[in-house]
Amino acid sequence: MSEALAYGWEHWDRVRSMENKAGYLYRVGYRWAIRAKSRRGPLVFPEASVGAQVWVEPELPTALRSLSERQRTAVVLIEAYGWTYREVADLMGLSRGAVETHVKRGMRKLREALEVRSDA
């Protein structure tokens, strides 16, 4: 949004005469966001350092690699980093419901891969 407003301010002489200023600036912002998203590429998560103090299930990295990219992104951002479903949905360009589905399926696959039972 800030990019669209900055563009409108810089080009006000041209934007002023438009019939639908808000619609035009919406499209400017939308196109900017699409270009920014494509430049960013897929999210890459850092590997755990060898001497890390935090204990991590040794099979977790392998299990995470078995998930689809969307499932892995949603699970890590929500379960590990504490992002909200809305934040992840906005980042990934998905609906909140789609993110919930990716998390649910991803967590089910992780539990199966790590042989975690919910009756514990």
PDB file of N, CA and C in Angstrom:
ATOM      1  N   MET A   1       0.820  -1.177   0.000  1.00  0.00           N
ATOM      2  CA  MET A   1       0.000   0.000   0.000  1.00  0.00           C
ATOM      3  C   MET A   1       0.871   1.249   0.000  1.00  0.00           C
ATOM      4  N   SER A   2       1.935   1.227   0.785  1.00  0.00           N
ATOM      5  CA  SER A   2       2.789   2.402   0.861  1.00  0.00           C
ATOM      6  C   SER A   2       3.445   2.697  -0.486  1.00  0.00           C
ATOM      7  N   GLU A   3       3.784   1.649  -1.236  1.00  0.00           N
ATOM      8  CA  GLU A   3       4.376   1.850  -2.559  1.00  0.00           C
ATOM      9  C   GLU A   3       3.383   2.527  -3.497  1.00  0.00           C
ATOM     10  N   ALA A   4       2.124   2.101  -3.443  1.00  0.00           N
ATOM     11  CA  ALA A   4       1.095   2.697  -4.302  1.00  0.00           C
ATOM     12  C   ALA A   4       0.857   4.157  -3.932  1.00  0.00           C
ATOM     13  N   LEU A   5       0.822   4.456  -2.640  1.00  0.00           N
ATOM     14  CA  LEU A   5       0.619   5.849  -2.211  1.00  0.00           C
ATOM     15  C   LEU A   5       1.800   6.727  -2.592  1.00  0.00           C
ATOM     16  N   ALA A   6       3.010   6.181  -2.446  1.00  0.00           N
ATOM     17  CA  ALA A   6       4.200   6.939  -2.840  1.00  0.00           C
ATOM     18  C   ALA A   6       4.187   7.202  -4.344  1.00  0.00           C
ATOM     19  N   TYR A   7       3.773   6.202  -5.120  1.00  0.00           N
ATOM     20  CA  TYR A   7       3.682   6.372  -6.566  1.00  0.00           C
ATOM     21  C   TYR A   7       2.644   7.448  -6.903  1.00  0.00           C
ATOM     22  N   GLY A   8       1.490   7.391  -6.227  1.00  0.00           N
ATOM     23  CA  GLY A   8       0.443   8.391  -6.460  1.00  0.00           C
ATOM     24  C   GLY A   8       0.914   9.794  -6.139  1.00  0.00           C
ATOM     25  N   TRP A   9       1.663   9.924  -5.071  1.00  0.00           N
ATOM     26  CA  TRP A   9       2.191  11.239  -4.680  1.00  0.00           C
ATOM     27  C   TRP A   9       3.184  11.759  -5.715  1.00  0.00           C
ATOM     28  N   GLU A  10       4.094  10.883  -6.135  1.00  0.00           N
ATOM     29  CA  GLU A  10       5.112  11.284  -7.105  1.00  0.00           C
ATOM     30  C   GLU A  10       4.525  11.619  -8.476  1.00  0.00           C
ATOM     31  N   HIS A  11       3.428  10.967  -8.843  1.00  0.00           N
ATOM     32  CA  HIS A  11       2.824  11.150 -10.168  1.00  0.00           C
ATOM     33  C   HIS A  11       1.441  11.803 -10.073  1.00  0.00           C
ATOM     34  N   TRP A  12       1.261  12.644  -9.074  1.00  0.00           N
ATOM     35  CA  TRP A  12      -0.055  13.221  -8.819  1.00  0.00           C
ATOM     36  C   TRP A  12      -0.593  14.007 -10.018  1.00  0.00           C
ATOM     37  N   ASP A  13       0.262  14.668 -10.771  1.00  0.00           N
ATOM     38  CA  ASP A  13      -0.214  15.428 -11.930  1.00  0.00           C
ATOM     39  C   ASP A  13      -0.968  14.524 -12.896  1.00  0.00           C
ATOM     40  N   ARG A  14      -0.492  13.327 -13.094  1.00  0.00           N
ATOM     41  CA  ARG A  14      -1.161  12.392 -13.995  1.00  0.00           C
ATOM     42  C   ARG A  14      -2.343  11.708 -13.309  1.00  0.00           C
ATOM     43  N   VAL A  15      -2.180  11.298 -12.045  1.00  0.00           N
ATOM     44  CA  VAL A  15      -3.225  10.565 -11.329  1.00  0.00           C
ATOM     45  C   VAL A  15      -4.434  11.455 -11.054  1.00  0.00           C
ATOM     46  N   ARG A  16      -4.202  12.721 -10.811  1.00  0.00           N
ATOM     47  CA  ARG A  16      -5.276  13.660 -10.470  1.00  0.00           C
ATOM     48  C   ARG A  16      -6.396  13.653 -11.504  1.00  0.00           C
ATOM     49  N   SER A  17      -6.067  13.527 -12.770  1.00  0.00           N
ATOM     50  CA  SER A  17      -7.067  13.607 -13.830  1.00  0.00           C
ATOM     51  C   SER A  17      -7.813  12.291 -14.064  1.00  0.00           C
ATOM     52  N   MET A  18      -7.432  11.240 -13.385  1.00  0.00           N
ATOM     53  CA  MET A  18      -8.068   9.936 -13.595  1.00  0.00           C
ATOM     54  C   MET A  18      -9.430   9.892 -12.927  1.00  0.00           C
ATOM     55  N   GLU A  19     -10.345   9.148 -13.558  1.00  0.00           N
ATOM     56  CA  GLU A  19     -11.701   9.018 -13.011  1.00  0.00           C
ATOM     57  C   GLU A  19     -11.716   8.147 -11.747  1.00  0.00           C
ATOM     58  N   ASN A  20     -10.959   7.056 -11.748  1.00  0.00           N
ATOM     59  CA  ASN A  20     -10.940   6.134 -10.611  1.00  0.00           C
ATOM     60  C   ASN A  20      -9.521   6.083 -10.030  1.00  0.00           C
ATOM     61  N   LYS A  21      -9.176   7.091  -9.259  1.00  0.00           N
ATOM     62  CA  LYS A  21      -7.827   7.192  -8.693  1.00  0.00           C
ATOM     63  C   LYS A  21      -7.510   6.010  -7.778  1.00  0.00           C
ATOM     64  N   ALA A  22      -8.451   5.678  -6.910  1.00  0.00           N
ATOM     65  CA  ALA A  22      -8.227   4.588  -5.949  1.00  0.00           C
ATOM     66  C   ALA A  22      -8.035   3.260  -6.676  1.00  0.00           C
ATOM     67  N   GLY A  23      -8.837   3.007  -7.690  1.00  0.00           N
ATOM     68  CA  GLY A  23      -8.712   1.766  -8.453  1.00  0.00           C
ATOM     69  C   GLY A  23      -7.374   1.669  -9.160  1.00  0.00           C
ATOM     70  N   TYR A  24      -6.931   2.785  -9.730  1.00  0.00           N
ATOM     71  CA  TYR A  24      -5.638   2.805 -10.411  1.00  0.00           C
ATOM     72  C   TYR A  24      -4.507   2.534  -9.416  1.00  0.00           C
ATOM     73  N   LEU A  25      -4.540   3.203  -8.275  1.00  0.00           N
ATOM     74  CA  LEU A  25      -3.480   3.017  -7.280  1.00  0.00           C
ATOM     75  C   LEU A  25      -3.531   1.616  -6.672  1.00  0.00           C
ATOM     76  N   TYR A  26      -4.730   1.048  -6.578  1.00  0.00           N
ATOM     77  CA  TYR A  26      -4.853  -0.332  -6.124  1.00  0.00           C
ATOM     78  C   TYR A  26      -4.085  -1.255  -7.066  1.00  0.00           C
ATOM     79  N   ARG A  27      -4.277  -1.062  -8.374  1.00  0.00           N
ATOM     80  CA  ARG A  27      -3.593  -1.900  -9.354  1.00  0.00           C
ATOM     81  C   ARG A  27      -2.077  -1.678  -9.314  1.00  0.00           C
ATOM     82  N   VAL A  28      -1.647  -0.443  -9.088  1.00  0.00           N
ATOM     83  CA  VAL A  28      -0.213  -0.160  -8.961  1.00  0.00           C
ATOM     84  C   VAL A  28       0.360  -0.960  -7.794  1.00  0.00           C
ATOM     85  N   GLY A  29      -0.310  -0.898  -6.646  1.00  0.00           N
ATOM     86  CA  GLY A  29       0.148  -1.634  -5.467  1.00  0.00           C
ATOM     87  C   GLY A  29       0.111  -3.137  -5.669  1.00  0.00           C
ATOM     88  N   TYR A  30      -0.940  -3.621  -6.313  1.00  0.00           N
ATOM     89  CA  TYR A  30      -1.085  -5.046  -6.574  1.00  0.00           C
ATOM     90  C   TYR A  30       0.054  -5.541  -7.463  1.00  0.00           C
ATOM     91  N   ARG A  31       0.332  -4.823  -8.550  1.00  0.00           N
ATOM     92  CA  ARG A  31       1.403  -5.221  -9.454  1.00  0.00           C
ATOM     93  C   ARG A  31       2.761  -5.155  -8.757  1.00  0.00           C
ATOM     94  N   TRP A  32       2.959  -4.158  -7.900  1.00  0.00           N
ATOM     95  CA  TRP A  32       4.214  -4.054  -7.165  1.00  0.00           C
ATOM     96  C   TRP A  32       4.388  -5.266  -6.253  1.00  0.00           C
ATOM     97  N   ALA A  33       3.300  -5.662  -5.566  1.00  0.00           N
ATOM     98  CA  ALA A  33       3.364  -6.813  -4.650  1.00  0.00           C
ATOM     99  C   ALA A  33       3.656  -8.104  -5.403  1.00  0.00           C
ATOM    100  N   ILE A  34       3.056  -8.281  -6.566  1.00  0.00           N
ATOM    101  CA  ILE A  34       3.297  -9.488  -7.362  1.00  0.00           C
ATOM    102  C   ILE A  34       4.753  -9.539  -7.800  1.00  0.00           C
ATOM    103  N   ARG A  35       5.286  -8.414  -8.262  1.00  0.00           N
ATOM    104  CA  ARG A  35       6.693  -8.385  -8.682  1.00  0.00           C
ATOM    105  C   ARG A  35       7.620  -8.653  -7.489  1.00  0.00           C
ATOM    106  N   ALA A  36       7.305  -8.075  -6.343  1.00  0.00           N
ATOM    107  CA  ALA A  36       8.144  -8.280  -5.155  1.00  0.00           C
ATOM    108  C   ALA A  36       8.111  -9.740  -4.727  1.00  0.00           C
ATOM    109  N   LYS A  37       6.953 -10.354  -4.801  1.00  0.00           N
ATOM    110  CA  LYS A  37       6.828 -11.755  -4.405  1.00  0.00           C
ATOM    111  C   LYS A  37       7.627 -12.657  -5.342  1.00  0.00           C
ATOM    112  N   SER A  38       7.591 -12.383  -6.643  1.00  0.00           N
ATOM    113  CA  SER A  38       8.314 -13.232  -7.588  1.00  0.00           C
ATOM    114  C   SER A  38       9.830 -13.038  -7.457  1.00  0.00           C
ATOM    115  N   ARG A  39      10.283 -11.845  -7.066  1.00  0.00           N
ATOM    116  CA  ARG A  39      11.712 -11.598  -6.885  1.00  0.00           C
ATOM    117  C   ARG A  39      12.231 -12.305  -5.640  1.00  0.00           C
ATOM    118  N   ARG A  40      11.382 -12.435  -4.642  1.00  0.00           N
ATOM    119  CA  ARG A  40      11.801 -12.997  -3.362  1.00  0.00           C
ATOM    120  C   ARG A  40      12.122 -14.482  -3.493  1.00  0.00           C
ATOM    121  N   GLY A  41      11.390 -15.207  -4.318  1.00  0.00           N
ATOM    122  CA  GLY A  41      11.635 -16.637  -4.493  1.00  0.00           C
ATOM    123  C   GLY A  41      11.080 -17.430  -3.315  1.00  0.00           C
ATOM    124  N   PRO A  42      11.322 -18.732  -3.300  1.00  0.00           N
ATOM    125  CA  PRO A  42      10.801 -19.570  -2.212  1.00  0.00           C
ATOM    126  C   PRO A  42      11.496 -19.255  -0.887  1.00  0.00           C
ATOM    127  N   LEU A  43      10.777 -19.451   0.188  1.00  0.00           N
ATOM    128  CA  LEU A  43      11.355 -19.241   1.509  1.00  0.00           C
ATOM    129  C   LEU A  43      12.365 -20.352   1.793  1.00  0.00           C
ATOM    130  N   VAL A  44      13.487 -19.979   2.316  1.00  0.00           N
ATOM    131  CA  VAL A  44      14.521 -20.949   2.674  1.00  0.00           C
ATOM    132  C   VAL A  44      14.785 -20.791   4.159  1.00  0.00           C
ATOM    133  N   PHE A  45      14.748 -21.896   4.871  1.00  0.00           N
ATOM    134  CA  PHE A  45      14.969 -21.868   6.306  1.00  0.00           C
ATOM    135  C   PHE A  45      16.396 -22.309   6.599  1.00  0.00           C
ATOM    136  N   PRO A  46      17.052 -21.642   7.523  1.00  0.00           N
ATOM    137  CA  PRO A  46      18.448 -21.982   7.805  1.00  0.00           C
ATOM    138  C   PRO A  46      18.561 -23.358   8.451  1.00  0.00           C
ATOM    139  N   GLU A  47      19.659 -24.012   8.146  1.00  0.00           N
ATOM    140  CA  GLU A  47      19.959 -25.294   8.789  1.00  0.00           C
ATOM    141  C   GLU A  47      20.348 -25.030  10.241  1.00  0.00           C
ATOM    142  N   ALA A  48      20.035 -25.963  11.108  1.00  0.00           N
ATOM    143  CA  ALA A  48      20.431 -25.827  12.511  1.00  0.00           C
ATOM    144  C   ALA A  48      21.945 -25.955  12.608  1.00  0.00           C
ATOM    145  N   SER A  49      22.551 -25.111  13.430  1.00  0.00           N
ATOM    146  CA  SER A  49      24.002 -25.186  13.582  1.00  0.00           C
ATOM    147  C   SER A  49      24.367 -26.434  14.370  1.00  0.00           C
ATOM    148  N   VAL A  50      25.553 -26.948  14.127  1.00  0.00           N
ATOM    149  CA  VAL A  50      25.992 -28.204  14.735  1.00  0.00           C
ATOM    150  C   VAL A  50      26.062 -28.099  16.256  1.00  0.00           C
ATOM    151  N   GLY A  51      26.521 -26.972  16.772  1.00  0.00           N
ATOM    152  CA  GLY A  51      26.677 -26.817  18.211  1.00  0.00           C
ATOM    153  C   GLY A  51      25.493 -26.137  18.877  1.00  0.00           C
ATOM    154  N   ALA A  52      24.323 -26.219  18.303  1.00  0.00           N
ATOM    155  CA  ALA A  52      23.154 -25.530  18.850  1.00  0.00           C
ATOM    156  C   ALA A  52      22.796 -26.066  20.233  1.00  0.00           C
ATOM    157  N   GLN A  53      22.369 -25.188  21.116  1.00  0.00           N
ATOM    158  CA  GLN A  53      21.996 -25.553  22.477  1.00  0.00           C
ATOM    159  C   GLN A  53      20.599 -26.180  22.554  1.00  0.00           C
ATOM    160  N   VAL A  54      19.752 -25.872  21.599  1.00  0.00           N
ATOM    161  CA  VAL A  54      18.368 -26.351  21.618  1.00  0.00           C
ATOM    162  C   VAL A  54      18.318 -27.759  21.047  1.00  0.00           C
ATOM    163  N   TRP A  55      17.631 -28.648  21.755  1.00  0.00           N
ATOM    164  CA  TRP A  55      17.493 -30.009  21.262  1.00  0.00           C
ATOM    165  C   TRP A  55      16.420 -30.052  20.196  1.00  0.00           C
ATOM    166  N   VAL A  56      16.733 -30.719  19.107  1.00  0.00           N
ATOM    167  CA  VAL A  56      15.788 -30.900  18.013  1.00  0.00           C
ATOM    168  C   VAL A  56      15.760 -32.377  17.679  1.00  0.00           C
ATOM    169  N   GLU A  57      14.569 -32.894  17.463  1.00  0.00           N
ATOM    170  CA  GLU A  57      14.426 -34.289  17.040  1.00  0.00           C
ATOM    171  C   GLU A  57      15.319 -34.517  15.821  1.00  0.00           C
ATOM    172  N   PRO A  58      16.248 -35.467  15.896  1.00  0.00           N
ATOM    173  CA  PRO A  58      17.198 -35.671  14.797  1.00  0.00           C
ATOM    174  C   PRO A  58      16.543 -35.951  13.438  1.00  0.00           C
ATOM    175  N   GLU A  59      15.379 -36.559  13.437  1.00  0.00           N
ATOM    176  CA  GLU A  59      14.710 -36.890  12.181  1.00  0.00           C
ATOM    177  C   GLU A  59      13.816 -35.766  11.662  1.00  0.00           C
ATOM    178  N   LEU A  60      13.708 -34.665  12.425  1.00  0.00           N
ATOM    179  CA  LEU A  60      12.821 -33.574  12.013  1.00  0.00           C
ATOM    180  C   LEU A  60      13.207 -32.949  10.673  1.00  0.00           C
ATOM    181  N   PRO A  61      14.474 -32.623  10.423  1.00  0.00           N
ATOM    182  CA  PRO A  61      14.813 -32.043   9.114  1.00  0.00           C
ATOM    183  C   PRO A  61      14.410 -32.936   7.942  1.00  0.00           C
ATOM    184  N   THR A  62      14.621 -34.241   8.077  1.00  0.00           N
ATOM    185  CA  THR A  62      14.236 -35.176   7.020  1.00  0.00           C
ATOM    186  C   THR A  62      12.725 -35.202   6.860  1.00  0.00           C
ATOM    187  N   ALA A  63      12.013 -35.218   7.979  1.00  0.00           N
ATOM    188  CA  ALA A  63      10.553 -35.235   7.927  1.00  0.00           C
ATOM    189  C   ALA A  63      10.019 -33.942   7.303  1.00  0.00           C
ATOM    190  N   LEU A  64      10.631 -32.809   7.631  1.00  0.00           N
ATOM    191  CA  LEU A  64      10.196 -31.541   7.042  1.00  0.00           C
ATOM    192  C   LEU A  64      10.431 -31.521   5.532  1.00  0.00           C
ATOM    193  N   ARG A  65      11.542 -32.104   5.091  1.00  0.00           N
ATOM    194  CA  ARG A  65      11.824 -32.143   3.648  1.00  0.00           C
ATOM    195  C   ARG A  65      10.804 -32.990   2.903  1.00  0.00           C
ATOM    196  N   SER A  66      10.134 -33.907   3.594  1.00  0.00           N
ATOM    197  CA  SER A  66       9.144 -34.756   2.924  1.00  0.00           C
ATOM    198  C   SER A  66       7.822 -34.026   2.675  1.00  0.00           C
ATOM    199  N   LEU A  67       7.634 -32.868   3.313  1.00  0.00           N
ATOM    200  CA  LEU A  67       6.411 -32.090   3.116  1.00  0.00           C
ATOM    201  C   LEU A  67       6.496 -31.293   1.820  1.00  0.00           C
ATOM    202  N   SER A  68       5.329 -30.905   1.300  1.00  0.00           N
ATOM    203  CA  SER A  68       5.336 -29.998   0.150  1.00  0.00           C
ATOM    204  C   SER A  68       5.865 -28.646   0.620  1.00  0.00           C
ATOM    205  N   GLU A  69       6.291 -27.813  -0.312  1.00  0.00           N
ATOM    206  CA  GLU A  69       6.840 -26.509   0.064  1.00  0.00           C
ATOM    207  C   GLU A  69       5.818 -25.686   0.841  1.00  0.00           C
ATOM    208  N   ARG A  70       4.575 -25.705   0.404  1.00  0.00           N
ATOM    209  CA  ARG A  70       3.537 -24.927   1.105  1.00  0.00           C
ATOM    210  C   ARG A  70       3.286 -25.473   2.502  1.00  0.00           C
ATOM    211  N   GLN A  71       3.226 -26.789   2.635  1.00  0.00           N
ATOM    212  CA  GLN A  71       3.022 -27.375   3.960  1.00  0.00           C
ATOM    213  C   GLN A  71       4.183 -27.027   4.875  1.00  0.00           C
ATOM    214  N   ARG A  72       5.405 -27.178   4.385  1.00  0.00           N
ATOM    215  CA  ARG A  72       6.594 -26.903   5.195  1.00  0.00           C
ATOM    216  C   ARG A  72       6.623 -25.438   5.621  1.00  0.00           C
ATOM    217  N   THR A  73       6.358 -24.530   4.699  1.00  0.00           N
ATOM    218  CA  THR A  73       6.366 -23.105   5.018  1.00  0.00           C
ATOM    219  C   THR A  73       5.325 -22.784   6.075  1.00  0.00           C
ATOM    220  N   ALA A  74       4.109 -23.264   5.877  1.00  0.00           N
ATOM    221  CA  ALA A  74       3.022 -22.976   6.820  1.00  0.00           C
ATOM    222  C   ALA A  74       3.317 -23.568   8.197  1.00  0.00           C
ATOM    223  N   VAL A  75       3.761 -24.808   8.247  1.00  0.00           N
ATOM    224  CA  VAL A  75       4.037 -25.467   9.529  1.00  0.00           C
ATOM    225  C   VAL A  75       5.152 -24.755  10.278  1.00  0.00           C
ATOM    226  N   VAL A  76       6.254 -24.452   9.612  1.00  0.00           N
ATOM    227  CA  VAL A  76       7.388 -23.832  10.295  1.00  0.00           C
ATOM    228  C   VAL A  76       7.031 -22.434  10.780  1.00  0.00           C
ATOM    229  N   LEU A  77       6.395 -21.624   9.931  1.00  0.00           N
ATOM    230  CA  LEU A  77       6.074 -20.258  10.350  1.00  0.00           C
ATOM    231  C   LEU A  77       5.072 -20.234  11.499  1.00  0.00           C
ATOM    232  N   ILE A  78       4.101 -21.127  11.487  1.00  0.00           N
ATOM    233  CA  ILE A  78       3.064 -21.121  12.533  1.00  0.00           C
ATOM    234  C   ILE A  78       3.530 -21.842  13.788  1.00  0.00           C
ATOM    235  N   GLU A  79       4.041 -23.056  13.639  1.00  0.00           N
ATOM    236  CA  GLU A  79       4.389 -23.859  14.800  1.00  0.00           C
ATOM    237  C   GLU A  79       5.738 -23.484  15.420  1.00  0.00           C
ATOM    238  N   ALA A  80       6.711 -23.099  14.594  1.00  0.00           N
ATOM    239  CA  ALA A  80       8.044 -22.795  15.127  1.00  0.00           C
ATOM    240  C   ALA A  80       8.237 -21.311  15.414  1.00  0.00           C
ATOM    241  N   TYR A  81       7.750 -20.452  14.518  1.00  0.00           N
ATOM    242  CA  TYR A  81       7.989 -19.017  14.667  1.00  0.00           C
ATOM    243  C   TYR A  81       6.811 -18.255  15.264  1.00  0.00           C
ATOM    244  N   GLY A  82       5.673 -18.931  15.445  1.00  0.00           N
ATOM    245  CA  GLY A  82       4.532 -18.304  16.109  1.00  0.00           C
ATOM    246  C   GLY A  82       3.763 -17.280  15.281  1.00  0.00           C
ATOM    247  N   TRP A  83       3.880 -17.364  13.953  1.00  0.00           N
ATOM    248  CA  TRP A  83       3.104 -16.458  13.114  1.00  0.00           C
ATOM    249  C   TRP A  83       1.628 -16.839  13.205  1.00  0.00           C
ATOM    250  N   THR A  84       0.758 -15.903  12.883  1.00  0.00           N
ATOM    251  CA  THR A  84      -0.671 -16.191  12.843  1.00  0.00           C
ATOM    252  C   THR A  84      -1.027 -16.769  11.473  1.00  0.00           C
ATOM    253  N   TYR A  85      -2.180 -17.427  11.423  1.00  0.00           N
ATOM    254  CA  TYR A  85      -2.651 -17.965  10.147  1.00  0.00           C
ATOM    255  C   TYR A  85      -2.846 -16.835   9.129  1.00  0.00           C
ATOM    256  N   ARG A  86      -3.331 -15.695   9.578  1.00  0.00           N
ATOM    257  CA  ARG A  86      -3.557 -14.560   8.678  1.00  0.00           C
ATOM    258  C   ARG A  86      -2.236 -14.046   8.122  1.00  0.00           C
ATOM    259  N   GLU A  87      -1.215 -13.941   8.947  1.00  0.00           N
ATOM    260  CA  GLU A  87       0.098 -13.477   8.476  1.00  0.00           C
ATOM    261  C   GLU A  87       0.674 -14.427   7.430  1.00  0.00           C
ATOM    262  N   VAL A  88       0.563 -15.718   7.683  1.00  0.00           N
ATOM    263  CA  VAL A  88       1.080 -16.704   6.739  1.00  0.00           C
ATOM    264  C   VAL A  88       0.256 -16.682   5.450  1.00  0.00           C
ATOM    265  N   ALA A  89      -1.051 -16.539   5.574  1.00  0.00           N
ATOM    266  CA  ALA A  89      -1.910 -16.467   4.388  1.00  0.00           C
ATOM    267  C   ALA A  89      -1.538 -15.266   3.524  1.00  0.00           C
ATOM    268  N   ASP A  90      -1.307 -14.128   4.159  1.00  0.00           N
ATOM    269  CA  ASP A  90      -0.911 -12.932   3.408  1.00  0.00           C
ATOM    270  C   ASP A  90       0.438 -13.135   2.727  1.00  0.00           C
ATOM    271  N   LEU A  91       1.379 -13.710   3.438  1.00  0.00           N
ATOM    272  CA  LEU A  91       2.709 -13.941   2.884  1.00  0.00           C
ATOM    273  C   LEU A  91       2.653 -14.887   1.683  1.00  0.00           C
ATOM    274  N   MET A  92       1.888 -15.957   1.813  1.00  0.00           N
ATOM    275  CA  MET A  92       1.851 -16.986   0.780  1.00  0.00           C
ATOM    276  C   MET A  92       0.847 -16.694  -0.325  1.00  0.00           C
ATOM    277  N   GLY A  93       0.014 -15.673  -0.137  1.00  0.00           N
ATOM    278  CA  GLY A  93      -1.004 -15.355  -1.144  1.00  0.00           C
ATOM    279  C   GLY A  93      -2.111 -16.385  -1.191  1.00  0.00           C
ATOM    280  N   LEU A  94      -2.457 -16.934  -0.028  1.00  0.00           N
ATOM    281  CA  LEU A  94      -3.494 -17.956   0.077  1.00  0.00           C
ATOM    282  C   LEU A  94      -4.594 -17.480   1.023  1.00  0.00           C
ATOM    283  N   SER A  95      -5.696 -18.204   1.040  1.00  0.00           N
ATOM    284  CA  SER A  95      -6.733 -17.903   2.022  1.00  0.00           C
ATOM    285  C   SER A  95      -6.326 -18.491   3.365  1.00  0.00           C
ATOM    286  N   ARG A  96      -6.944 -17.991   4.422  1.00  0.00           N
ATOM    287  CA  ARG A  96      -6.642 -18.506   5.759  1.00  0.00           C
ATOM    288  C   ARG A  96      -6.993 -19.987   5.843  1.00  0.00           C
ATOM    289  N   GLY A  97      -8.101 -20.364   5.235  1.00  0.00           N
ATOM    290  CA  GLY A  97      -8.524 -21.772   5.236  1.00  0.00           C
ATOM    291  C   GLY A  97      -7.529 -22.679   4.545  1.00  0.00           C
ATOM    292  N   ALA A  98      -6.939 -22.208   3.451  1.00  0.00           N
ATOM    293  CA  ALA A  98      -5.939 -23.006   2.738  1.00  0.00           C
ATOM    294  C   ALA A  98      -4.707 -23.213   3.611  1.00  0.00           C
ATOM    295  N   VAL A  99      -4.309 -22.168   4.343  1.00  0.00           N
ATOM    296  CA  VAL A  99      -3.161 -22.289   5.243  1.00  0.00           C
ATOM    297  C   VAL A  99      -3.476 -23.298   6.346  1.00  0.00           C
ATOM    298  N   GLU A 100      -4.678 -23.241   6.907  1.00  0.00           N
ATOM    299  CA  GLU A 100      -5.073 -24.201   7.943  1.00  0.00           C
ATOM    300  C   GLU A 100      -4.984 -25.630   7.413  1.00  0.00           C
ATOM    301  N   THR A 101      -5.430 -25.832   6.170  1.00  0.00           N
ATOM    302  CA  THR A 101      -5.366 -27.160   5.562  1.00  0.00           C
ATOM    303  C   THR A 101      -3.927 -27.612   5.394  1.00  0.00           C
ATOM    304  N   HIS A 102      -3.054 -26.723   4.931  1.00  0.00           N
ATOM    305  CA  HIS A 102      -1.638 -27.080   4.766  1.00  0.00           C
ATOM    306  C   HIS A 102      -1.015 -27.443   6.116  1.00  0.00           C
ATOM    307  N   VAL A 103      -1.335 -26.682   7.157  1.00  0.00           N
ATOM    308  CA  VAL A 103      -0.780 -26.978   8.487  1.00  0.00           C
ATOM    309  C   VAL A 103      -1.311 -28.320   8.992  1.00  0.00           C
ATOM    310  N   LYS A 104      -2.596 -28.535   8.866  1.00  0.00           N
ATOM    311  CA  LYS A 104      -3.195 -29.782   9.351  1.00  0.00           C
ATOM    312  C   LYS A 104      -2.586 -30.990   8.649  1.00  0.00           C
ATOM    313  N   ARG A 105      -2.487 -30.935   7.323  1.00  0.00           N
ATOM    314  CA  ARG A 105      -1.916 -32.057   6.577  1.00  0.00           C
ATOM    315  C   ARG A 105      -0.416 -32.211   6.857  1.00  0.00           C
ATOM    316  N   GLY A 106       0.288 -31.090   6.944  1.00  0.00           N
ATOM    317  CA  GLY A 106       1.715 -31.143   7.234  1.00  0.00           C
ATOM    318  C   GLY A 106       2.001 -31.737   8.598  1.00  0.00           C
ATOM    319  N   MET A 107       1.239 -31.320   9.602  1.00  0.00           N
ATOM    320  CA  MET A 107       1.439 -31.866  10.953  1.00  0.00           C
ATOM    321  C   MET A 107       1.097 -33.349  11.006  1.00  0.00           C
ATOM    322  N   ARG A 108       0.062 -33.763  10.278  1.00  0.00           N
ATOM    323  CA  ARG A 108      -0.281 -35.188  10.237  1.00  0.00           C
ATOM    324  C   ARG A 108       0.869 -35.992   9.621  1.00  0.00           C
ATOM    325  N   LYS A 109       1.456 -35.480   8.524  1.00  0.00           N
ATOM    326  CA  LYS A 109       2.585 -36.167   7.889  1.00  0.00           C
ATOM    327  C   LYS A 109       3.801 -36.209   8.820  1.00  0.00           C
ATOM    328  N   LEU A 110       4.046 -35.111   9.538  1.00  0.00           N
ATOM    329  CA  LEU A 110       5.180 -35.092  10.475  1.00  0.00           C
ATOM    330  C   LEU A 110       4.981 -36.106  11.588  1.00  0.00           C
ATOM    331  N   ARG A 111       3.764 -36.164  12.144  1.00  0.00           N
ATOM    332  CA  ARG A 111       3.492 -37.133  13.211  1.00  0.00           C
ATOM    333  C   ARG A 111       3.712 -38.562  12.720  1.00  0.00           C
ATOM    334  N   GLU A 112       3.251 -38.840  11.491  1.00  0.00           N
ATOM    335  CA  GLU A 112       3.436 -40.183  10.930  1.00  0.00           C
ATOM    336  C   GLU A 112       4.922 -40.474  10.708  1.00  0.00           C
ATOM    337  N   ALA A 113       5.648 -39.523  10.139  1.00  0.00           N
ATOM    338  CA  ALA A 113       7.072 -39.725   9.855  1.00  0.00           C
ATOM    339  C   ALA A 113       7.883 -39.904  11.129  1.00  0.00           C
ATOM    340  N   LEU A 114       7.507 -39.189  12.182  1.00  0.00           N
ATOM    341  CA  LEU A 114       8.251 -39.233  13.444  1.00  0.00           C
ATOM    342  C   LEU A 114       7.658 -40.244  14.419  1.00  0.00           C
ATOM    343  N   GLU A 115       6.617 -40.939  13.975  1.00  0.00           N
ATOM    344  CA  GLU A 115       5.932 -41.950  14.780  1.00  0.00           C
ATOM    345  C   GLU A 115       5.454 -41.392  16.114  1.00  0.00           C
ATOM    346  N   VAL A 116       4.820 -40.236  16.057  1.00  0.00           N
ATOM    347  CA  VAL A 116       4.274 -39.597  17.258  1.00  0.00           C
ATOM    348  C   VAL A 116       2.807 -39.974  17.365  1.00  0.00           C
ATOM    349  N   ARG A 117       2.418 -40.457  18.546  1.00  0.00           N
ATOM    350  CA  ARG A 117       1.036 -40.812  18.790  1.00  0.00           C
ATOM    351  C   ARG A 117       0.393 -39.748  19.647  1.00  0.00           C
ATOM    352  N   SER A 118      -0.855 -39.434  19.373  1.00  0.00           N
ATOM    353  CA  SER A 118      -1.543 -38.391  20.127  1.00  0.00           C
ATOM    354  C   SER A 118      -2.090 -38.886  21.451  1.00  0.00           C
ATOM    355  N   ASP A 119      -2.001 -40.196  21.742  1.00  0.00           N
ATOM    356  CA  ASP A 119      -2.523 -40.717  23.005  1.00  0.00           C
ATOM    357  C   ASP A 119      -1.512 -40.609  24.148  1.00  0.00           C
ATOM    358  N   ALA A 120      -0.411 -39.928  23.924  1.00  0.00           N
ATOM    359  CA  ALA A 120       0.651 -39.843  24.935  1.00  0.00           C
ATOM    360  C   ALA A 120       0.281 -38.992  26.097  1.00  0.00           C
TER     361      ALA A 120
END
